[in-house]
PDB file of all heavy atoms in Angstrom:
ATOM      1  N   GLY A   1      22.550  -9.793   8.904  1.00  0.00           N
ATOM      2  CA  GLY A   1      21.809 -10.534   7.887  1.00  0.00           C
ATOM      3  C   GLY A   1      20.312 -10.351   8.015  1.00  0.00           C
ATOM      4  O   GLY A   1      19.594 -10.240   7.016  1.00  0.00           O
ATOM      5  N   TRP A   2      19.839 -10.303   9.244  1.00  0.00           N
ATOM      6  CA  TRP A   2      18.401 -10.107   9.491  1.00  0.00           C
ATOM      7  C   TRP A   2      17.952  -8.725   9.031  1.00  0.00           C
ATOM      8  O   TRP A   2      16.869  -8.580   8.448  1.00  0.00           O
ATOM      9  CB  TRP A   2      18.105 -10.294  10.971  1.00  0.00           C
ATOM     10  CG  TRP A   2      16.640 -10.428  11.285  1.00  0.00           C
ATOM     11  CD1 TRP A   2      15.838  -9.494  11.865  1.00  0.00           C
ATOM     12  CD2 TRP A   2      15.816 -11.565  11.044  1.00  0.00           C
ATOM     13  NE1 TRP A   2      14.564  -9.963  12.001  1.00  0.00           N
ATOM     14  CE2 TRP A   2      14.514 -11.243  11.500  1.00  0.00           C
ATOM     15  CE3 TRP A   2      16.037 -12.821  10.478  1.00  0.00           C
ATOM     16  CZ2 TRP A   2      13.453 -12.135  11.414  1.00  0.00           C
ATOM     17  CZ3 TRP A   2      14.968 -13.714  10.391  1.00  0.00           C
ATOM     18  CH2 TRP A   2      13.697 -13.370  10.854  1.00  0.00           C
ATOM     19  N   VAL A   3      18.771  -7.709   9.295  1.00  0.00           N
ATOM     20  CA  VAL A   3      18.458  -6.348   8.828  1.00  0.00           C
ATOM     21  C   VAL A   3      18.429  -6.319   7.302  1.00  0.00           C
ATOM     22  O   VAL A   3      17.514  -5.727   6.699  1.00  0.00           O
ATOM     23  CB  VAL A   3      19.497  -5.339   9.369  1.00  0.00           C
ATOM     24  CG1 VAL A   3      19.318  -3.973   8.710  1.00  0.00           C
ATOM     25  CG2 VAL A   3      19.361  -5.209  10.884  1.00  0.00           C
ATOM     26  N   PHE A   4      19.392  -6.976   6.671  1.00  0.00           N
ATOM     27  CA  PHE A   4      19.428  -7.019   5.205  1.00  0.00           C
ATOM     28  C   PHE A   4      18.186  -7.725   4.660  1.00  0.00           C
ATOM     29  O   PHE A   4      17.583  -7.280   3.676  1.00  0.00           O
ATOM     30  CB  PHE A   4      20.695  -7.749   4.744  1.00  0.00           C
ATOM     31  CG  PHE A   4      20.813  -7.882   3.257  1.00  0.00           C
ATOM     32  CD1 PHE A   4      21.164  -6.790   2.468  1.00  0.00           C
ATOM     33  CD2 PHE A   4      20.551  -9.107   2.630  1.00  0.00           C
ATOM     34  CE1 PHE A   4      21.262  -6.909   1.083  1.00  0.00           C
ATOM     35  CE2 PHE A   4      20.642  -9.229   1.251  1.00  0.00           C
ATOM     36  CZ  PHE A   4      20.996  -8.126   0.479  1.00  0.00           C
ATOM     37  N   LEU A   5      17.778  -8.807   5.306  1.00  0.00           N
ATOM     38  CA  LEU A   5      16.575  -9.531   4.892  1.00  0.00           C
ATOM     39  C   LEU A   5      15.345  -8.634   4.968  1.00  0.00           C
ATOM     40  O   LEU A   5      14.501  -8.628   4.064  1.00  0.00           O
ATOM     41  CB  LEU A   5      16.377 -10.766   5.780  1.00  0.00           C
ATOM     42  CG  LEU A   5      15.097 -11.579   5.539  1.00  0.00           C
ATOM     43  CD1 LEU A   5      15.133 -12.211   4.147  1.00  0.00           C
ATOM     44  CD2 LEU A   5      14.934 -12.650   6.610  1.00  0.00           C
ATOM     45  N   GLY A   6      15.247  -7.848   6.043  1.00  0.00           N
ATOM     46  CA  GLY A   6      14.122  -6.928   6.182  1.00  0.00           C
ATOM     47  C   GLY A   6      14.105  -5.869   5.097  1.00  0.00           C
ATOM     48  O   GLY A   6      13.041  -5.526   4.558  1.00  0.00           O
ATOM     49  N   LEU A   7      15.278  -5.334   4.763  1.00  0.00           N
ATOM     50  CA  LEU A   7      15.360  -4.324   3.702  1.00  0.00           C
ATOM     51  C   LEU A   7      14.954  -4.903   2.356  1.00  0.00           C
ATOM     52  O   LEU A   7      14.249  -4.267   1.568  1.00  0.00           O
ATOM     53  CB  LEU A   7      16.779  -3.755   3.637  1.00  0.00           C
ATOM     54  CG  LEU A   7      17.227  -2.915   4.836  1.00  0.00           C
ATOM     55  CD1 LEU A   7      18.707  -2.563   4.710  1.00  0.00           C
ATOM     56  CD2 LEU A   7      16.395  -1.644   4.961  1.00  0.00           C
ATOM     57  N   VAL A   8      15.402  -6.125   2.064  1.00  0.00           N
ATOM     58  CA  VAL A   8      15.047  -6.782   0.799  1.00  0.00           C
ATOM     59  C   VAL A   8      13.549  -7.039   0.738  1.00  0.00           C
ATOM     60  O   VAL A   8      12.895  -6.798  -0.284  1.00  0.00           O
ATOM     61  CB  VAL A   8      15.830  -8.104   0.633  1.00  0.00           C
ATOM     62  CG1 VAL A   8      15.297  -8.905  -0.550  1.00  0.00           C
ATOM     63  CG2 VAL A   8      17.305  -7.816   0.454  1.00  0.00           C
ATOM     64  N   PHE A   9      12.972  -7.488   1.851  1.00  0.00           N
ATOM     65  CA  PHE A   9      11.541  -7.807   1.889  1.00  0.00           C
ATOM     66  C   PHE A   9      10.698  -6.564   1.631  1.00  0.00           C
ATOM     67  O   PHE A   9       9.723  -6.610   0.877  1.00  0.00           O
ATOM     68  CB  PHE A   9      11.188  -8.408   3.253  1.00  0.00           C
ATOM     69  CG  PHE A   9       9.723  -8.736   3.404  1.00  0.00           C
ATOM     70  CD1 PHE A   9       9.217  -9.916   2.883  1.00  0.00           C
ATOM     71  CD2 PHE A   9       8.869  -7.855   4.062  1.00  0.00           C
ATOM     72  CE1 PHE A   9       7.863 -10.207   3.015  1.00  0.00           C
ATOM     73  CE2 PHE A   9       7.523  -8.143   4.192  1.00  0.00           C
ATOM     74  CZ  PHE A   9       7.025  -9.323   3.672  1.00  0.00           C
ATOM     75  N   THR A  10      11.072  -5.450   2.249  1.00  0.00           N
ATOM     76  CA  THR A  10      10.294  -4.225   2.066  1.00  0.00           C
ATOM     77  C   THR A  10      10.497  -3.625   0.682  1.00  0.00           C
ATOM     78  O   THR A  10       9.652  -2.869   0.203  1.00  0.00           O
ATOM     79  CB  THR A  10      10.671  -3.176   3.123  1.00  0.00           C
ATOM     80  OG1 THR A  10      12.094  -2.948   3.091  1.00  0.00           O
ATOM     81  CG2 THR A  10      10.292  -3.649   4.512  1.00  0.00           C
ATOM     82  N   ALA A  11      11.635  -3.944   0.035  1.00  0.00           N
ATOM     83  CA  ALA A  11      11.913  -3.385  -1.292  1.00  0.00           C
ATOM     84  C   ALA A  11      11.183  -4.127  -2.403  1.00  0.00           C
ATOM     85  O   ALA A  11      11.018  -3.602  -3.503  1.00  0.00           O
ATOM     86  CB  ALA A  11      13.414  -3.402  -1.565  1.00  0.00           C
ATOM     87  N   ILE A  12      10.723  -5.353  -2.130  1.00  0.00           N
ATOM     88  CA  ILE A  12      10.033  -6.131  -3.162  1.00  0.00           C
ATOM     89  C   ILE A  12       8.663  -5.516  -3.428  1.00  0.00           C
ATOM     90  O   ILE A  12       7.859  -5.352  -2.503  1.00  0.00           O
ATOM     91  CB  ILE A  12       9.867  -7.596  -2.714  1.00  0.00           C
ATOM     92  CG1 ILE A  12      11.233  -8.254  -2.538  1.00  0.00           C
ATOM     93  CG2 ILE A  12       9.024  -8.373  -3.720  1.00  0.00           C
ATOM     94  CD1 ILE A  12      11.163  -9.647  -1.954  1.00  0.00           C
ATOM     95  N   PRO A  13       8.364  -5.115  -4.675  1.00  0.00           N
ATOM     96  CA  PRO A  13       7.057  -4.528  -4.966  1.00  0.00           C
ATOM     97  C   PRO A  13       5.939  -5.543  -4.767  1.00  0.00           C
ATOM     98  O   PRO A  13       6.077  -6.717  -5.094  1.00  0.00           O
ATOM     99  CB  PRO A  13       7.170  -4.109  -6.438  1.00  0.00           C
ATOM    100  CG  PRO A  13       8.246  -4.970  -6.998  1.00  0.00           C
ATOM    101  CD  PRO A  13       9.205  -5.206  -5.869  1.00  0.00           C
ATOM    102  N   ARG A  14       4.828  -5.066  -4.193  1.00  0.00           N
ATOM    103  CA  ARG A  14       3.688  -5.932  -3.949  1.00  0.00           C
ATOM    104  C   ARG A  14       2.677  -5.738  -5.077  1.00  0.00           C
ATOM    105  O   ARG A  14       2.024  -4.702  -5.168  1.00  0.00           O
ATOM    106  CB  ARG A  14       3.050  -5.594  -2.591  1.00  0.00           C
ATOM    107  CG  ARG A  14       4.047  -5.676  -1.442  1.00  0.00           C
ATOM    108  CD  ARG A  14       3.412  -5.284  -0.134  1.00  0.00           C
ATOM    109  NE  ARG A  14       4.408  -5.123   0.910  1.00  0.00           N
ATOM    110  CZ  ARG A  14       4.121  -4.781   2.161  1.00  0.00           C
ATOM    111  NH1 ARG A  14       2.874  -4.547   2.518  1.00  0.00           N
ATOM    112  NH2 ARG A  14       5.076  -4.648   3.055  1.00  0.00           N
ATOM    113  N   ARG A  15       2.557  -6.747  -5.938  1.00  0.00           N
ATOM    114  CA  ARG A  15       1.670  -6.651  -7.078  1.00  0.00           C
ATOM    115  C   ARG A  15       0.366  -7.387  -6.785  1.00  0.00           C
ATOM    116  O   ARG A  15       0.320  -8.340  -6.023  1.00  0.00           O
ATOM    117  CB  ARG A  15       2.331  -7.229  -8.332  1.00  0.00           C
ATOM    118  CG  ARG A  15       3.592  -6.500  -8.742  1.00  0.00           C
ATOM    119  CD  ARG A  15       4.077  -6.991 -10.078  1.00  0.00           C
ATOM    120  NE  ARG A  15       3.139  -6.689 -11.145  1.00  0.00           N
ATOM    121  CZ  ARG A  15       3.106  -5.537 -11.791  1.00  0.00           C
ATOM    122  NH1 ARG A  15       3.955  -4.575 -11.462  1.00  0.00           N
ATOM    123  NH2 ARG A  15       2.241  -5.329 -12.757  1.00  0.00           N
ATOM    124  N   SER A  16      -0.684  -6.921  -7.410  1.00  0.00           N
ATOM    125  CA  SER A  16      -1.996  -7.520  -7.222  1.00  0.00           C
ATOM    126  C   SER A  16      -2.828  -7.266  -8.463  1.00  0.00           C
ATOM    127  O   SER A  16      -2.609  -6.303  -9.191  1.00  0.00           O
ATOM    128  CB  SER A  16      -2.677  -6.912  -5.989  1.00  0.00           C
ATOM    129  OG  SER A  16      -4.030  -7.327  -5.923  1.00  0.00           O
ATOM    130  N   GLU A  17      -3.793  -8.145  -8.700  1.00  0.00           N
ATOM    131  CA  GLU A  17      -4.717  -7.945  -9.810  1.00  0.00           C
ATOM    132  C   GLU A  17      -5.892  -7.074  -9.390  1.00  0.00           C
ATOM    133  O   GLU A  17      -6.821  -6.872 -10.166  1.00  0.00           O
ATOM    134  CB  GLU A  17      -5.223  -9.306 -10.313  1.00  0.00           C
ATOM    135  CG  GLU A  17      -4.153 -10.157 -10.971  1.00  0.00           C
ATOM    136  CD  GLU A  17      -3.526  -9.466 -12.185  1.00  0.00           C
ATOM    137  OE1 GLU A  17      -4.272  -8.850 -12.968  1.00  0.00           O
ATOM    138  OE2 GLU A  17      -2.294  -9.540 -12.328  1.00  0.00           O
ATOM    139  N   GLU A  18      -5.854  -6.583  -8.164  1.00  0.00           N
ATOM    140  CA  GLU A  18      -6.980  -5.834  -7.622  1.00  0.00           C
ATOM    141  C   GLU A  18      -6.737  -4.330  -7.713  1.00  0.00           C
ATOM    142  O   GLU A  18      -5.606  -3.860  -7.650  1.00  0.00           O
ATOM    143  CB  GLU A  18      -7.225  -6.226  -6.164  1.00  0.00           C
ATOM    144  CG  GLU A  18      -7.491  -7.715  -5.974  1.00  0.00           C
ATOM    145  CD  GLU A  18      -7.498  -8.112  -4.522  1.00  0.00           C
ATOM    146  OE1 GLU A  18      -7.084  -7.275  -3.683  1.00  0.00           O
ATOM    147  OE2 GLU A  18      -7.897  -9.245  -4.214  1.00  0.00           O
ATOM    148  N   CYS A  19      -7.820  -3.593  -7.857  1.00  0.00           N
ATOM    149  CA  CYS A  19      -7.781  -2.131  -7.767  1.00  0.00           C
ATOM    150  C   CYS A  19      -8.670  -1.738  -6.599  1.00  0.00           C
ATOM    151  O   CYS A  19      -9.823  -2.169  -6.513  1.00  0.00           O
ATOM    152  CB  CYS A  19      -8.287  -1.508  -9.069  1.00  0.00           C
ATOM    153  SG  CYS A  19      -8.200   0.303  -9.089  1.00  0.00           S
ATOM    154  N   THR A  20      -8.142  -0.962  -5.661  1.00  0.00           N
ATOM    155  CA  THR A  20      -8.911  -0.631  -4.461  1.00  0.00           C
ATOM    156  C   THR A  20      -9.067   0.878  -4.307  1.00  0.00           C
ATOM    157  O   THR A  20      -8.160   1.650  -4.623  1.00  0.00           O
ATOM    158  CB  THR A  20      -8.237  -1.192  -3.191  1.00  0.00           C
ATOM    159  OG1 THR A  20      -6.940  -0.598  -3.034  1.00  0.00           O
ATOM    160  CG2 THR A  20      -8.081  -2.698  -3.273  1.00  0.00           C
ATOM    161  N   PHE A  21     -10.238   1.265  -3.795  1.00  0.00           N
ATOM    162  CA  PHE A  21     -10.540   2.636  -3.401  1.00  0.00           C
ATOM    163  C   PHE A  21     -10.864   2.580  -1.911  1.00  0.00           C
ATOM    164  O   PHE A  21     -11.842   1.933  -1.515  1.00  0.00           O
ATOM    165  CB  PHE A  21     -11.755   3.181  -4.164  1.00  0.00           C
ATOM    166  CG  PHE A  21     -11.542   3.408  -5.623  1.00  0.00           C
ATOM    167  CD1 PHE A  21     -11.445   2.327  -6.505  1.00  0.00           C
ATOM    168  CD2 PHE A  21     -11.452   4.690  -6.142  1.00  0.00           C
ATOM    169  CE1 PHE A  21     -11.260   2.520  -7.861  1.00  0.00           C
ATOM    170  CE2 PHE A  21     -11.260   4.901  -7.506  1.00  0.00           C
ATOM    171  CZ  PHE A  21     -11.160   3.812  -8.358  1.00  0.00           C
ATOM    172  N   THR A  22     -10.057   3.243  -1.087  1.00  0.00           N
ATOM    173  CA  THR A  22     -10.307   3.255   0.353  1.00  0.00           C
ATOM    174  C   THR A  22     -10.721   4.656   0.783  1.00  0.00           C
ATOM    175  O   THR A  22      -9.933   5.604   0.679  1.00  0.00           O
ATOM    176  CB  THR A  22      -9.068   2.806   1.142  1.00  0.00           C
ATOM    177  OG1 THR A  22      -8.638   1.534   0.660  1.00  0.00           O
ATOM    178  CG2 THR A  22      -9.394   2.692   2.624  1.00  0.00           C
ATOM    179  N   PHE A  23     -11.964   4.764   1.272  1.00  0.00           N
ATOM    180  CA  PHE A  23     -12.487   6.030   1.782  1.00  0.00           C
ATOM    181  C   PHE A  23     -12.138   6.078   3.269  1.00  0.00           C
ATOM    182  O   PHE A  23     -12.771   5.395   4.084  1.00  0.00           O
ATOM    183  CB  PHE A  23     -14.000   6.118   1.584  1.00  0.00           C
ATOM    184  CG  PHE A  23     -14.427   6.150   0.139  1.00  0.00           C
ATOM    185  CD1 PHE A  23     -14.391   5.003  -0.646  1.00  0.00           C
ATOM    186  CD2 PHE A  23     -14.890   7.334  -0.438  1.00  0.00           C
ATOM    187  CE1 PHE A  23     -14.787   5.023  -1.981  1.00  0.00           C
ATOM    188  CE2 PHE A  23     -15.285   7.375  -1.768  1.00  0.00           C
ATOM    189  CZ  PHE A  23     -15.230   6.213  -2.541  1.00  0.00           C
ATOM    190  N   LEU A  24     -11.115   6.853   3.622  1.00  0.00           N
ATOM    191  CA  LEU A  24     -10.652   6.899   5.010  1.00  0.00           C
ATOM    192  C   LEU A  24     -11.616   7.692   5.887  1.00  0.00           C
ATOM    193  O   LEU A  24     -12.237   8.661   5.434  1.00  0.00           O
ATOM    194  CB  LEU A  24      -9.254   7.509   5.084  1.00  0.00           C
ATOM    195  CG  LEU A  24      -8.139   6.730   4.389  1.00  0.00           C
ATOM    196  CD1 LEU A  24      -6.804   7.422   4.592  1.00  0.00           C
ATOM    197  CD2 LEU A  24      -8.072   5.298   4.902  1.00  0.00           C
ATOM    198  N   ALA A  25     -11.714   7.282   7.141  1.00  0.00           N
ATOM    199  CA  ALA A  25     -12.577   7.974   8.108  1.00  0.00           C
ATOM    200  C   ALA A  25     -11.800   9.126   8.729  1.00  0.00           C
ATOM    201  O   ALA A  25     -11.160   8.978   9.775  1.00  0.00           O
ATOM    202  CB  ALA A  25     -13.056   6.999   9.176  1.00  0.00           C
ATOM    203  N   VAL A  26     -11.845  10.288   8.092  1.00  0.00           N
ATOM    204  CA  VAL A  26     -11.093  11.458   8.550  1.00  0.00           C
ATOM    205  C   VAL A  26     -12.006  12.497   9.201  1.00  0.00           C
ATOM    206  O   VAL A  26     -11.591  13.622   9.450  1.00  0.00           O
ATOM    207  CB  VAL A  26     -10.312  12.103   7.393  1.00  0.00           C
ATOM    208  CG1 VAL A  26      -9.248  11.169   6.872  1.00  0.00           C
ATOM    209  CG2 VAL A  26     -11.251  12.538   6.264  1.00  0.00           C
ATOM    210  N   GLY A  27     -13.250  12.118   9.490  1.00  0.00           N
ATOM    211  CA  GLY A  27     -14.192  13.100  10.022  1.00  0.00           C
ATOM    212  C   GLY A  27     -14.800  13.911   8.890  1.00  0.00           C
ATOM    213  O   GLY A  27     -14.985  13.424   7.782  1.00  0.00           O
ATOM    214  N   HIS A  28     -15.112  15.175   9.193  1.00  0.00           N
ATOM    215  CA  HIS A  28     -15.692  16.053   8.173  1.00  0.00           C
ATOM    216  C   HIS A  28     -14.580  16.522   7.244  1.00  0.00           C
ATOM    217  O   HIS A  28     -13.898  17.505   7.492  1.00  0.00           O
ATOM    218  CB  HIS A  28     -16.373  17.253   8.831  1.00  0.00           C
ATOM    219  CG  HIS A  28     -17.121  18.109   7.850  1.00  0.00           C
ATOM    220  ND1 HIS A  28     -18.456  17.936   7.590  1.00  0.00           N
ATOM    221  CD2 HIS A  28     -16.723  19.123   7.056  1.00  0.00           C
ATOM    222  CE1 HIS A  28     -18.851  18.820   6.683  1.00  0.00           C
ATOM    223  NE2 HIS A  28     -17.800  19.545   6.341  1.00  0.00           N
ATOM    224  N   GLY A  29     -14.373  15.776   6.199  1.00  0.00           N
ATOM    225  CA  GLY A  29     -13.301  16.056   5.258  1.00  0.00           C
ATOM    226  C   GLY A  29     -13.308  14.981   4.205  1.00  0.00           C
ATOM    227  O   GLY A  29     -14.361  14.416   3.885  1.00  0.00           O
ATOM    228  N   GLY A  30     -12.161  14.669   3.670  1.00  0.00           N
ATOM    229  CA  GLY A  30     -12.120  13.625   2.667  1.00  0.00           C
ATOM    230  C   GLY A  30     -10.727  13.163   2.344  1.00  0.00           C
ATOM    231  O   GLY A  30      -9.780  13.957   2.315  1.00  0.00           O
ATOM    232  N   CYS A  31     -10.589  11.867   2.125  1.00  0.00           N
ATOM    233  CA  CYS A  31      -9.347  11.294   1.606  1.00  0.00           C
ATOM    234  C   CYS A  31      -9.673   9.911   1.059  1.00  0.00           C
ATOM    235  O   CYS A  31     -10.073   9.021   1.813  1.00  0.00           O
ATOM    236  CB  CYS A  31      -8.266  11.191   2.670  1.00  0.00           C
ATOM    237  SG  CYS A  31      -6.705  10.554   1.991  1.00  0.00           S
ATOM    238  N   VAL A  32      -9.532   9.772  -0.245  1.00  0.00           N
ATOM    239  CA  VAL A  32      -9.737   8.485  -0.900  1.00  0.00           C
ATOM    240  C   VAL A  32      -8.380   8.022  -1.425  1.00  0.00           C
ATOM    241  O   VAL A  32      -7.733   8.735  -2.189  1.00  0.00           O
ATOM    242  CB  VAL A  32     -10.741   8.590  -2.064  1.00  0.00           C
ATOM    243  CG1 VAL A  32     -10.984   7.211  -2.679  1.00  0.00           C
ATOM    244  CG2 VAL A  32     -12.056   9.197  -1.582  1.00  0.00           C
ATOM    245  N   VAL A  33      -7.960   6.847  -0.978  1.00  0.00           N
ATOM    246  CA  VAL A  33      -6.675   6.277  -1.401  1.00  0.00           C
ATOM    247  C   VAL A  33      -6.947   5.229  -2.472  1.00  0.00           C
ATOM    248  O   VAL A  33      -7.657   4.249  -2.234  1.00  0.00           O
ATOM    249  CB  VAL A  33      -5.928   5.643  -0.216  1.00  0.00           C
ATOM    250  CG1 VAL A  33      -4.598   5.045  -0.687  1.00  0.00           C
ATOM    251  CG2 VAL A  33      -5.680   6.670   0.871  1.00  0.00           C
ATOM    252  N   ILE A  34      -6.395   5.452  -3.654  1.00  0.00           N
ATOM    253  CA  ILE A  34      -6.597   4.548  -4.783  1.00  0.00           C
ATOM    254  C   ILE A  34      -5.293   3.796  -5.038  1.00  0.00           C
ATOM    255  O   ILE A  34      -4.239   4.403  -5.229  1.00  0.00           O
ATOM    256  CB  ILE A  34      -7.007   5.328  -6.047  1.00  0.00           C
ATOM    257  CG1 ILE A  34      -8.233   6.204  -5.759  1.00  0.00           C
ATOM    258  CG2 ILE A  34      -7.292   4.380  -7.207  1.00  0.00           C
ATOM    259  CD1 ILE A  34      -8.525   7.227  -6.827  1.00  0.00           C
ATOM    260  N   GLN A  35      -5.369   2.463  -5.030  1.00  0.00           N
ATOM    261  CA  GLN A  35      -4.201   1.625  -5.293  1.00  0.00           C
ATOM    262  C   GLN A  35      -4.464   0.797  -6.552  1.00  0.00           C
ATOM    263  O   GLN A  35      -5.465   0.090  -6.638  1.00  0.00           O
ATOM    264  CB  GLN A  35      -3.927   0.697  -4.116  1.00  0.00           C
ATOM    265  CG  GLN A  35      -3.551   1.423  -2.825  1.00  0.00           C
ATOM    266  CD  GLN A  35      -3.535   0.488  -1.639  1.00  0.00           C
ATOM    267  OE1 GLN A  35      -4.494   0.396  -0.883  1.00  0.00           O
ATOM    268  NE2 GLN A  35      -2.430  -0.237  -1.477  1.00  0.00           N
ATOM    269  N   THR A  36      -3.564   0.900  -7.507  1.00  0.00           N
ATOM    270  CA  THR A  36      -3.728   0.196  -8.769  1.00  0.00           C
ATOM    271  C   THR A  36      -2.949  -1.108  -8.750  1.00  0.00           C
ATOM    272  O   THR A  36      -2.027  -1.275  -7.936  1.00  0.00           O
ATOM    273  CB  THR A  36      -3.244   1.073  -9.941  1.00  0.00           C
ATOM    274  OG1 THR A  36      -1.826   1.226  -9.842  1.00  0.00           O
ATOM    275  CG2 THR A  36      -3.903   2.445  -9.916  1.00  0.00           C
ATOM    276  N   PRO A  37      -3.270  -2.042  -9.649  1.00  0.00           N
ATOM    277  CA  PRO A  37      -2.543  -3.316  -9.674  1.00  0.00           C
ATOM    278  C   PRO A  37      -1.050  -3.169  -9.948  1.00  0.00           C
ATOM    279  O   PRO A  37      -0.266  -4.035  -9.565  1.00  0.00           O
ATOM    280  CB  PRO A  37      -3.237  -4.086 -10.803  1.00  0.00           C
ATOM    281  CG  PRO A  37      -4.607  -3.510 -10.869  1.00  0.00           C
ATOM    282  CD  PRO A  37      -4.432  -2.054 -10.551  1.00  0.00           C
ATOM    283  N   ASP A  38      -0.651  -2.080 -10.631  1.00  0.00           N
ATOM    284  CA  ASP A  38       0.778  -1.902 -10.916  1.00  0.00           C
ATOM    285  C   ASP A  38       1.471  -1.045  -9.860  1.00  0.00           C
ATOM    286  O   ASP A  38       2.465  -0.382 -10.123  1.00  0.00           O
ATOM    287  CB  ASP A  38       0.983  -1.302 -12.304  1.00  0.00           C
ATOM    288  CG  ASP A  38       0.286   0.043 -12.462  1.00  0.00           C
ATOM    289  OD1 ASP A  38      -0.463   0.433 -11.551  1.00  0.00           O
ATOM    290  OD2 ASP A  38       0.486   0.706 -13.494  1.00  0.00           O
TER     291      ASP A  38
END
């Protein structure tokens, strides 16, 4: 039951009204992760 609860929890989509741009610290390079509210 606990394993099933964990699977259900991770399957629930996490919604937010926020839009985020994360500039990761990858050294001399680049990676920007954009997360939308949907």
